[in-house]
Amino acid sequence: FFKQKTAYEISLGLVGSEMCIRDSTYLEQPPIGALLLARELPPVGGDTLFANMYLAYDALSEGMKSLLDNLIVVQSSAKAGAARSREDRLSDESVVTKQALVAEHPAVRTHPETGKKVLFVNYGHSIRFRDMTEAESKPMLDYLFEHQTRPEFTCRFQWSVGSMAMWDNRCTQHNPINDYHGFKRVMHRISIN
């Protein structure tokens, strides 16, 4: 069921959807965009992959589009695995549970400025579809997480000190590649609401 990654895919950082996210979709009104400025970088690695959710939606079959057009996805700040980095920063794990935020959004949204449909599920926060269990939702979500990170929908941004990236959170996902163990990566970030 899970596709084995080739050594080439791993070397490029194309490790699938393991942390491809759209920022704060567990909020009723997620940020519309973000700016990220590189201040300090490791000697190698630390790139960011971006995925185009217009292309991901457009490439779906008509049957899948029809199904998704009517589904609501439940998003959580405490998704197992994805929230682990936040948990590690907090000394009291019970605080994470009390602070968990949950919101529901259409699985397919229409971008308010372009009028185009975009896929609105993400590995970082999507836990299930409304009126379905996590177990029932998992096969379709897993398929979508892999689908939306296909190479033809993605680009890789290689950082330099002082470089800045800006993205539209409504139609883009990103994956900061954690491949610089033992080195520092300092980024300054602004969320646009």
C-alpha atoms as a PDB file:
ATOM      1  CA  PHE A   1       0.000   0.000   0.000  1.00  0.00           C
ATOM      2  CA  PHE A   2       2.787   2.473   0.845  1.00  0.00           C
ATOM      3  CA  LYS A   3       5.139   3.142  -2.024  1.00  0.00           C
ATOM      4  CA  GLN A   4       8.828   2.586  -1.206  1.00  0.00           C
ATOM      5  CA  LYS A   5      10.884   5.729  -1.933  1.00  0.00           C
ATOM      6  CA  THR A   6      13.909   5.366  -4.174  1.00  0.00           C
ATOM      7  CA  ALA A   7      17.359   6.495  -2.992  1.00  0.00           C
ATOM      8  CA  TYR A   8      17.133   9.274  -5.595  1.00  0.00           C
ATOM      9  CA  GLU A   9      13.791  10.546  -4.207  1.00  0.00           C
ATOM     10  CA  ILE A  10      15.174  10.480  -0.670  1.00  0.00           C
ATOM     11  CA  SER A  11      18.352  12.328  -1.728  1.00  0.00           C
ATOM     12  CA  LEU A  12      16.190  15.073  -3.261  1.00  0.00           C
ATOM     13  CA  GLY A  13      14.090  15.331  -0.130  1.00  0.00           C
ATOM     14  CA  LEU A  14      11.054  14.020  -1.996  1.00  0.00           C
ATOM     15  CA  VAL A  15       9.868  11.952   0.917  1.00  0.00           C
ATOM     16  CA  GLY A  16       6.189  12.304   0.182  1.00  0.00           C
ATOM     17  CA  SER A  17       3.645  14.072   2.303  1.00  0.00           C
ATOM     18  CA  GLU A  18       5.147  13.304   5.709  1.00  0.00           C
ATOM     19  CA  MET A  19       5.023  16.968   6.746  1.00  0.00           C
ATOM     20  CA  CYS A  20       3.524  18.811   3.803  1.00  0.00           C
ATOM     21  CA  ILE A  21       1.273  21.336   5.479  1.00  0.00           C
ATOM     22  CA  ARG A  22      -0.925  24.306   4.997  1.00  0.00           C
ATOM     23  CA  ASP A  23      -0.527  26.687   7.918  1.00  0.00           C
ATOM     24  CA  SER A  24      -2.999  26.640  10.786  1.00  0.00           C
ATOM     25  CA  THR A  25      -5.945  24.985   9.039  1.00  0.00           C
ATOM     26  CA  TYR A  26      -7.171  24.056  12.534  1.00  0.00           C
ATOM     27  CA  LEU A  27      -8.317  27.698  12.821  1.00  0.00           C
ATOM     28  CA  GLU A  28     -11.699  28.855  11.539  1.00  0.00           C
ATOM     29  CA  GLN A  29      -9.838  31.462   9.455  1.00  0.00           C
ATOM     30  CA  PRO A  30      -6.339  30.184   8.621  1.00  0.00           C
ATOM     31  CA  PRO A  31      -3.718  32.733   7.554  1.00  0.00           C
ATOM     32  CA  ILE A  32      -4.023  33.654   3.884  1.00  0.00           C
ATOM     33  CA  GLY A  33      -0.282  33.727   3.345  1.00  0.00           C
ATOM     34  CA  ALA A  34       3.195  33.867   4.801  1.00  0.00           C
ATOM     35  CA  LEU A  35       6.612  35.414   4.330  1.00  0.00           C
ATOM     36  CA  LEU A  36       9.746  33.555   5.368  1.00  0.00           C
ATOM     37  CA  LEU A  37      13.199  35.161   5.522  1.00  0.00           C
ATOM     38  CA  ALA A  38      16.391  33.105   5.827  1.00  0.00           C
ATOM     39  CA  ARG A  39      18.752  34.492   8.500  1.00  0.00           C
ATOM     40  CA  GLU A  40      21.092  31.571   9.203  1.00  0.00           C
ATOM     41  CA  LEU A  41      21.366  28.342   7.228  1.00  0.00           C
ATOM     42  CA  PRO A  42      23.120  24.996   7.488  1.00  0.00           C
ATOM     43  CA  PRO A  43      25.982  24.373   5.041  1.00  0.00           C
ATOM     44  CA  VAL A  44      23.799  21.836   3.204  1.00  0.00           C
ATOM     45  CA  GLY A  45      20.064  21.125   3.250  1.00  0.00           C
ATOM     46  CA  GLY A  46      17.150  22.963   4.793  1.00  0.00           C
ATOM     47  CA  ASP A  47      15.316  23.564   1.506  1.00  0.00           C
ATOM     48  CA  THR A  48      11.532  23.930   1.349  1.00  0.00           C
ATOM     49  CA  LEU A  49       9.229  22.097  -1.031  1.00  0.00           C
ATOM     50  CA  PHE A  50       6.083  23.910  -2.187  1.00  0.00           C
ATOM     51  CA  ALA A  51       3.057  22.137  -3.671  1.00  0.00           C
ATOM     52  CA  ASN A  52       0.440  23.743  -5.940  1.00  0.00           C
ATOM     53  CA  MET A  53      -3.078  22.756  -4.835  1.00  0.00           C
ATOM     54  CA  TYR A  54      -4.690  24.121  -8.016  1.00  0.00           C
ATOM     55  CA  LEU A  55      -2.748  21.544 -10.019  1.00  0.00           C
ATOM     56  CA  ALA A  56      -3.414  18.816  -7.456  1.00  0.00           C
ATOM     57  CA  TYR A  57      -7.173  19.403  -7.689  1.00  0.00           C
ATOM     58  CA  ASP A  58      -7.216  19.727 -11.483  1.00  0.00           C
ATOM     59  CA  ALA A  59      -5.401  16.391 -11.904  1.00  0.00           C
ATOM     60  CA  LEU A  60      -8.023  14.431  -9.926  1.00  0.00           C
ATOM     61  CA  SER A  61     -10.537  12.284 -11.785  1.00  0.00           C
ATOM     62  CA  GLU A  62     -14.033  13.702 -12.260  1.00  0.00           C
ATOM     63  CA  GLY A  63     -15.377  11.033  -9.885  1.00  0.00           C
ATOM     64  CA  MET A  64     -12.958  12.015  -7.120  1.00  0.00           C
ATOM     65  CA  LYS A  65     -13.690  15.708  -7.670  1.00  0.00           C
ATOM     66  CA  SER A  66     -17.447  15.036  -7.331  1.00  0.00           C
ATOM     67  CA  LEU A  67     -16.902  13.098  -4.121  1.00  0.00           C
ATOM     68  CA  LEU A  68     -14.557  15.670  -2.565  1.00  0.00           C
ATOM     69  CA  ASP A  69     -16.670  18.660  -3.595  1.00  0.00           C
ATOM     70  CA  ASN A  70     -19.246  17.544  -1.010  1.00  0.00           C
ATOM     71  CA  LEU A  71     -16.928  16.612   1.868  1.00  0.00           C
ATOM     72  CA  ILE A  72     -15.933  18.612   4.920  1.00  0.00           C
ATOM     73  CA  VAL A  73     -12.523  17.863   6.421  1.00  0.00           C
ATOM     74  CA  VAL A  74     -11.849  18.079  10.156  1.00  0.00           C
ATOM     75  CA  GLN A  75      -8.525  19.780  10.946  1.00  0.00           C
ATOM     76  CA  SER A  76      -6.755  19.524  14.319  1.00  0.00           C
ATOM     77  CA  SER A  77      -3.714  21.185  15.878  1.00  0.00           C
ATOM     78  CA  ALA A  78      -3.054  17.977  17.816  1.00  0.00           C
ATOM     79  CA  LYS A  79      -2.865  15.462  14.972  1.00  0.00           C
ATOM     80  CA  ALA A  80      -0.736  12.546  16.102  1.00  0.00           C
ATOM     81  CA  GLY A  81       2.752  12.768  14.648  1.00  0.00           C
ATOM     82  CA  ALA A  82       2.325  16.183  13.074  1.00  0.00           C
ATOM     83  CA  ALA A  83       1.973  17.940  16.412  1.00  0.00           C
ATOM     84  CA  ARG A  84       4.958  16.169  17.930  1.00  0.00           C
ATOM     85  CA  SER A  85       7.325  19.091  17.318  1.00  0.00           C
ATOM     86  CA  ARG A  86       4.975  21.388  19.232  1.00  0.00           C
ATOM     87  CA  GLU A  87       4.659  18.820  22.014  1.00  0.00           C
ATOM     88  CA  ASP A  88       8.425  18.567  22.309  1.00  0.00           C
ATOM     89  CA  ARG A  89       8.630  22.305  22.961  1.00  0.00           C
ATOM     90  CA  LEU A  90       6.125  22.152  25.792  1.00  0.00           C
ATOM     91  CA  SER A  91       7.162  20.658  29.089  1.00  0.00           C
ATOM     92  CA  ASP A  92       3.624  19.756  30.182  1.00  0.00           C
ATOM     93  CA  GLU A  93       1.992  17.396  27.650  1.00  0.00           C
ATOM     94  CA  SER A  94      -1.426  17.992  29.190  1.00  0.00           C
ATOM     95  CA  VAL A  95      -1.206  21.597  27.949  1.00  0.00           C
ATOM     96  CA  VAL A  96      -1.171  20.318  24.352  1.00  0.00           C
ATOM     97  CA  THR A  97      -4.411  18.403  24.867  1.00  0.00           C
ATOM     98  CA  LYS A  98      -6.118  21.391  26.498  1.00  0.00           C
ATOM     99  CA  GLN A  99      -4.921  23.706  23.733  1.00  0.00           C
ATOM    100  CA  ALA A 100      -5.940  21.508  20.794  1.00  0.00           C
ATOM    101  CA  LEU A 101      -7.782  23.568  18.194  1.00  0.00           C
ATOM    102  CA  VAL A 102     -10.213  22.000  15.730  1.00  0.00           C
ATOM    103  CA  ALA A 103     -11.923  23.505  12.697  1.00  0.00           C
ATOM    104  CA  GLU A 104     -13.896  22.165   9.759  1.00  0.00           C
ATOM    105  CA  HIS A 105     -13.326  23.275   6.167  1.00  0.00           C
ATOM    106  CA  PRO A 106     -14.525  22.081   2.771  1.00  0.00           C
ATOM    107  CA  ALA A 107     -12.117  19.495   1.343  1.00  0.00           C
ATOM    108  CA  VAL A 108     -12.236  21.557  -1.851  1.00  0.00           C
ATOM    109  CA  ARG A 109     -12.369  25.332  -1.618  1.00  0.00           C
ATOM    110  CA  THR A 110     -12.760  28.017  -4.223  1.00  0.00           C
ATOM    111  CA  HIS A 111     -10.003  30.608  -4.008  1.00  0.00           C
ATOM    112  CA  PRO A 112     -11.713  33.963  -3.315  1.00  0.00           C
ATOM    113  CA  GLU A 113      -9.491  35.909  -5.718  1.00  0.00           C
ATOM    114  CA  THR A 114      -8.902  33.511  -8.615  1.00  0.00           C
ATOM    115  CA  GLY A 115     -12.216  31.642  -8.509  1.00  0.00           C
ATOM    116  CA  LYS A 116     -10.314  28.374  -9.056  1.00  0.00           C
ATOM    117  CA  LYS A 117     -10.877  25.234  -7.000  1.00  0.00           C
ATOM    118  CA  VAL A 118      -8.098  23.995  -4.710  1.00  0.00           C
ATOM    119  CA  LEU A 119      -7.602  20.838  -2.692  1.00  0.00           C
ATOM    120  CA  PHE A 120      -7.773  21.783   1.005  1.00  0.00           C
ATOM    121  CA  VAL A 121      -6.538  18.714   2.906  1.00  0.00           C
ATOM    122  CA  ASN A 122      -3.047  18.439   4.375  1.00  0.00           C
ATOM    123  CA  TYR A 123      -0.970  15.867   6.203  1.00  0.00           C
ATOM    124  CA  GLY A 124      -0.162  18.228   9.057  1.00  0.00           C
ATOM    125  CA  HIS A 125      -3.699  18.813  10.291  1.00  0.00           C
ATOM    126  CA  SER A 126      -6.404  16.875   8.383  1.00  0.00           C
ATOM    127  CA  ILE A 127      -7.635  14.024  10.592  1.00  0.00           C
ATOM    128  CA  ARG A 128     -10.917  12.845   9.063  1.00  0.00           C
ATOM    129  CA  PHE A 129     -13.995  13.820   7.115  1.00  0.00           C
ATOM    130  CA  ARG A 130     -17.098  15.040   8.909  1.00  0.00           C
ATOM    131  CA  ASP A 131     -19.544  12.220   9.729  1.00  0.00           C
ATOM    132  CA  MET A 132     -16.793   9.634   9.123  1.00  0.00           C
ATOM    133  CA  THR A 133     -14.389   7.977  11.533  1.00  0.00           C
ATOM    134  CA  GLU A 134     -10.639   8.401  11.265  1.00  0.00           C
ATOM    135  CA  ALA A 135     -10.367   4.779  10.113  1.00  0.00           C
ATOM    136  CA  GLU A 136     -12.966   5.346   7.370  1.00  0.00           C
ATOM    137  CA  SER A 137     -11.285   8.583   6.263  1.00  0.00           C
ATOM    138  CA  LYS A 138      -7.699   7.310   6.327  1.00  0.00           C
ATOM    139  CA  PRO A 139      -7.540   5.550   2.921  1.00  0.00           C
ATOM    140  CA  MET A 140      -8.839   8.573   1.036  1.00  0.00           C
ATOM    141  CA  LEU A 141      -6.760  11.059   3.032  1.00  0.00           C
ATOM    142  CA  ASP A 142      -3.621   8.967   2.540  1.00  0.00           C
ATOM    143  CA  TYR A 143      -4.293   8.885  -1.204  1.00  0.00           C
ATOM    144  CA  LEU A 144      -4.777  12.671  -1.287  1.00  0.00           C
ATOM    145  CA  PHE A 145      -1.660  13.343   0.817  1.00  0.00           C
ATOM    146  CA  GLU A 146       0.433  11.371  -1.687  1.00  0.00           C
ATOM    147  CA  HIS A 147      -1.384  12.787  -4.726  1.00  0.00           C
ATOM    148  CA  GLN A 148      -0.908  16.427  -3.772  1.00  0.00           C
ATOM    149  CA  THR A 149       2.861  16.042  -3.403  1.00  0.00           C
ATOM    150  CA  ARG A 150       3.495  14.463  -6.801  1.00  0.00           C
ATOM    151  CA  PRO A 151       6.637  15.966  -8.388  1.00  0.00           C
ATOM    152  CA  GLU A 152       4.674  17.658 -11.175  1.00  0.00           C
ATOM    153  CA  PHE A 153       2.824  19.765  -8.563  1.00  0.00           C
ATOM    154  CA  THR A 154       5.892  20.766  -6.566  1.00  0.00           C
ATOM    155  CA  CYS A 155       8.941  22.980  -6.678  1.00  0.00           C
ATOM    156  CA  ARG A 156      11.960  23.091  -4.406  1.00  0.00           C
ATOM    157  CA  PHE A 157      13.192  26.380  -2.950  1.00  0.00           C
ATOM    158  CA  GLN A 158      16.891  26.364  -2.058  1.00  0.00           C
ATOM    159  CA  TRP A 159      17.554  29.008   0.567  1.00  0.00           C
ATOM    160  CA  SER A 160      20.420  31.502   0.716  1.00  0.00           C
ATOM    161  CA  VAL A 161      20.963  33.864   3.623  1.00  0.00           C
ATOM    162  CA  GLY A 162      18.708  36.865   2.991  1.00  0.00           C
ATOM    163  CA  SER A 163      16.393  35.088   0.561  1.00  0.00           C
ATOM    164  CA  MET A 164      12.679  35.429   1.163  1.00  0.00           C
ATOM    165  CA  ALA A 165       9.739  33.301   0.105  1.00  0.00           C
ATOM    166  CA  MET A 166       6.119  34.435   0.079  1.00  0.00           C
ATOM    167  CA  TRP A 167       3.214  32.082  -0.542  1.00  0.00           C
ATOM    168  CA  ASP A 168      -0.553  32.029  -0.672  1.00  0.00           C
ATOM    169  CA  ASN A 169      -1.644  29.618   2.074  1.00  0.00           C
ATOM    170  CA  ARG A 170      -5.034  29.181   0.384  1.00  0.00           C
ATOM    171  CA  CYS A 171      -3.594  27.336  -2.615  1.00  0.00           C
ATOM    172  CA  THR A 172      -0.108  26.213  -1.552  1.00  0.00           C
ATOM    173  CA  GLN A 173       1.354  23.707   0.866  1.00  0.00           C
ATOM    174  CA  HIS A 174       4.931  23.578   2.031  1.00  0.00           C
ATOM    175  CA  ASN A 175       7.342  21.055   3.442  1.00  0.00           C
ATOM    176  CA  PRO A 176      10.413  22.363   5.282  1.00  0.00           C
ATOM    177  CA  ILE A 177      12.915  19.562   4.743  1.00  0.00           C
ATOM    178  CA  ASN A 178      14.594  18.576   8.000  1.00  0.00           C
ATOM    179  CA  ASP A 179      17.817  17.190   6.528  1.00  0.00           C
ATOM    180  CA  TYR A 180      20.436  19.277   8.357  1.00  0.00           C
ATOM    181  CA  HIS A 181      20.885  17.397  11.632  1.00  0.00           C
ATOM    182  CA  GLY A 182      23.386  19.082  13.936  1.00  0.00           C
ATOM    183  CA  PHE A 183      23.222  22.445  12.172  1.00  0.00           C
ATOM    184  CA  LYS A 184      21.209  25.581  12.782  1.00  0.00           C
ATOM    185  CA  ARG A 185      18.500  27.008  10.505  1.00  0.00           C
ATOM    186  CA  VAL A 186      17.117  30.387  11.608  1.00  0.00           C
ATOM    187  CA  MET A 187      14.144  31.782   9.731  1.00  0.00           C
ATOM    188  CA  HIS A 188      12.015  34.854  10.446  1.00  0.00           C
ATOM    189  CA  ARG A 189       8.365  34.398   9.602  1.00  0.00           C
ATOM    190  CA  ILE A 190       5.348  36.630   9.167  1.00  0.00           C
ATOM    191  CA  SER A 191       1.840  35.206   8.795  1.00  0.00           C
ATOM    192  CA  ILE A 192      -0.633  37.239   6.767  1.00  0.00           C
ATOM    193  CA  ASN A 193      -4.198  37.256   8.059  1.00  0.00           C
END
